[in-house]
Amino acid sequence: MRQLRVWIVLGVFVLATALGGSALAARPTTSVSVKASDFKFALSTKSVKAGKVIFTIKNAGKLPHDFKIGGKKTPLIKPGKSAKLTVTLKKGKAAYLCTVAGHAAAGMKGTLTVK
């Protein structure tokens, strides 16, 4: 019986180690909706928690747009279409913009606060 307890404790330790120490320590993923139009972005929130963030970008404009944040960007999104972008953000400010020539200068840029 004692040997069984040792194996159970060892199994729990191995499982906890495989899960990165603790399943409770894992940070939840944050989702942010982004509406792109000609020539602005509207985000569903002005701040997020540090960690994994999934952006869902809907192009409600008449021109193709993309969305860049955290060193990653979407491909061009055609009018009426959507794209997803997953990034890991650190605490601070995260700048976002449309990289199509002239679009950021016309207003398609902003800053997201990462707490």
Protein backbone atom coordinates (compact mmCIF):
# COMPACT_ATOMS: atom_id res chain seq x y z
CA MET A 1 0.00 0.00 0.00
CA ARG A 2 2.82 2.38 0.88
CA GLN A 3 4.49 1.66 -2.47
CA LEU A 4 1.24 2.60 -4.26
CA ARG A 5 1.17 5.98 -2.47
CA VAL A 6 4.76 6.66 -3.54
CA TRP A 7 3.85 5.95 -7.17
CA ILE A 8 0.78 8.19 -6.97
CA VAL A 9 2.79 11.07 -5.50
CA LEU A 10 5.49 10.56 -8.15
CA GLY A 11 2.86 10.53 -10.90
CA VAL A 12 1.29 13.77 -9.65
CA PHE A 13 4.74 15.40 -9.53
CA VAL A 14 5.54 14.32 -13.11
CA LEU A 15 2.15 15.56 -14.35
CA ALA A 16 2.52 18.93 -12.59
CA THR A 17 6.01 19.35 -14.06
CA ALA A 18 4.75 18.53 -17.55
CA LEU A 19 2.03 21.17 -17.19
CA GLY A 20 4.59 23.85 -16.40
CA GLY A 21 4.45 23.69 -12.63
CA SER A 22 0.77 24.31 -12.14
CA ALA A 23 -2.32 24.39 -14.27
CA LEU A 24 -3.53 27.27 -12.09
CA ALA A 25 -0.51 29.40 -13.01
CA ALA A 26 -1.47 29.45 -16.70
CA ARG A 27 -2.71 32.83 -17.85
CA PRO A 28 -5.98 32.92 -19.73
CA THR A 29 -6.06 34.08 -23.33
CA THR A 30 -7.58 37.50 -23.98
CA SER A 31 -9.73 38.13 -27.06
CA VAL A 32 -10.01 41.55 -28.70
CA SER A 33 -12.34 42.47 -31.57
CA VAL A 34 -11.03 45.03 -34.04
CA LYS A 35 -13.17 46.87 -36.59
CA ALA A 36 -11.12 48.32 -39.44
CA SER A 37 -12.72 51.00 -41.57
CA ASP A 38 -11.46 53.73 -43.88
CA PHE A 39 -9.27 55.11 -42.03
CA LYS A 40 -9.49 54.06 -38.40
CA PHE A 41 -9.48 51.10 -36.05
CA ALA A 42 -12.03 50.53 -33.27
CA LEU A 43 -10.90 48.01 -30.64
CA SER A 44 -13.33 46.37 -28.22
CA THR A 45 -11.06 47.36 -25.31
CA LYS A 46 -8.35 49.93 -24.57
CA SER A 47 -6.31 47.61 -22.32
CA VAL A 48 -5.49 43.92 -21.93
CA LYS A 49 -3.58 41.76 -19.46
CA ALA A 50 -0.05 40.76 -20.43
CA GLY A 51 0.12 37.39 -22.16
CA LYS A 52 -1.51 35.74 -25.14
CA VAL A 53 -4.00 37.94 -27.00
CA ILE A 54 -6.12 36.89 -29.97
CA PHE A 55 -7.23 39.75 -32.20
CA THR A 56 -10.17 39.21 -34.55
CA ILE A 57 -10.05 41.91 -37.22
CA LYS A 58 -13.11 42.66 -39.38
CA ASN A 59 -12.61 44.93 -42.38
CA ALA A 60 -15.75 47.08 -42.54
CA GLY A 61 -14.14 49.51 -44.99
CA LYS A 62 -14.06 49.70 -48.77
CA LEU A 63 -10.29 49.24 -49.08
CA PRO A 64 -7.99 46.35 -48.10
CA HIS A 65 -6.31 46.77 -44.70
CA ASP A 66 -3.98 44.81 -42.43
CA PHE A 67 -3.34 44.97 -38.68
CA LYS A 68 0.11 44.96 -37.10
CA ILE A 69 0.88 44.67 -33.37
CA GLY A 70 3.56 43.01 -31.27
CA GLY A 71 5.86 42.40 -34.23
CA LYS A 72 3.22 40.39 -36.15
CA LYS A 73 0.71 41.36 -38.80
CA THR A 74 -2.18 39.93 -40.74
CA PRO A 75 -2.16 39.54 -44.49
CA LEU A 76 -4.22 42.13 -46.36
CA ILE A 77 -7.87 41.76 -45.38
CA LYS A 78 -10.34 42.40 -48.19
CA PRO A 79 -13.48 44.48 -47.54
CA GLY A 80 -16.11 42.43 -45.69
CA LYS A 81 -13.58 39.77 -44.64
CA SER A 82 -11.97 38.94 -41.29
CA ALA A 83 -8.65 37.64 -39.99
CA LYS A 84 -7.23 36.47 -36.66
CA LEU A 85 -3.87 37.39 -35.20
CA THR A 86 -2.40 35.83 -32.06
CA VAL A 87 0.42 37.62 -30.25
CA THR A 88 2.02 37.53 -26.82
CA LEU A 89 2.21 41.01 -25.34
CA LYS A 90 4.37 42.22 -22.45
CA LYS A 91 3.39 44.85 -19.89
CA GLY A 92 3.55 48.41 -21.23
CA LYS A 93 2.21 50.04 -24.39
CA ALA A 94 1.69 48.14 -27.65
CA ALA A 95 1.43 50.22 -30.82
CA TYR A 96 -0.82 48.95 -33.61
CA LEU A 97 -1.26 50.17 -37.19
CA CYS A 98 -2.24 49.40 -40.76
CA THR A 99 0.92 49.00 -42.86
CA VAL A 100 -0.74 49.84 -46.19
CA ALA A 101 1.04 52.94 -47.55
CA GLY A 102 -0.53 56.11 -46.15
CA HIS A 103 -3.13 54.40 -43.98
CA ALA A 104 -1.39 54.89 -40.61
CA ALA A 105 -0.74 58.55 -41.50
CA ALA A 106 -4.46 58.88 -42.27
CA GLY A 107 -5.38 57.64 -38.78
CA MET A 108 -5.14 53.84 -38.81
CA LYS A 109 -2.91 53.56 -35.75
CA GLY A 110 -3.14 53.58 -31.99
CA THR A 111 -1.79 52.26 -28.71
CA LEU A 112 -3.08 49.42 -26.56
CA THR A 113 -2.25 49.41 -22.83
CA VAL A 114 -0.92 46.07 -21.60
CA LYS A 115 -1.26 45.58 -17.81
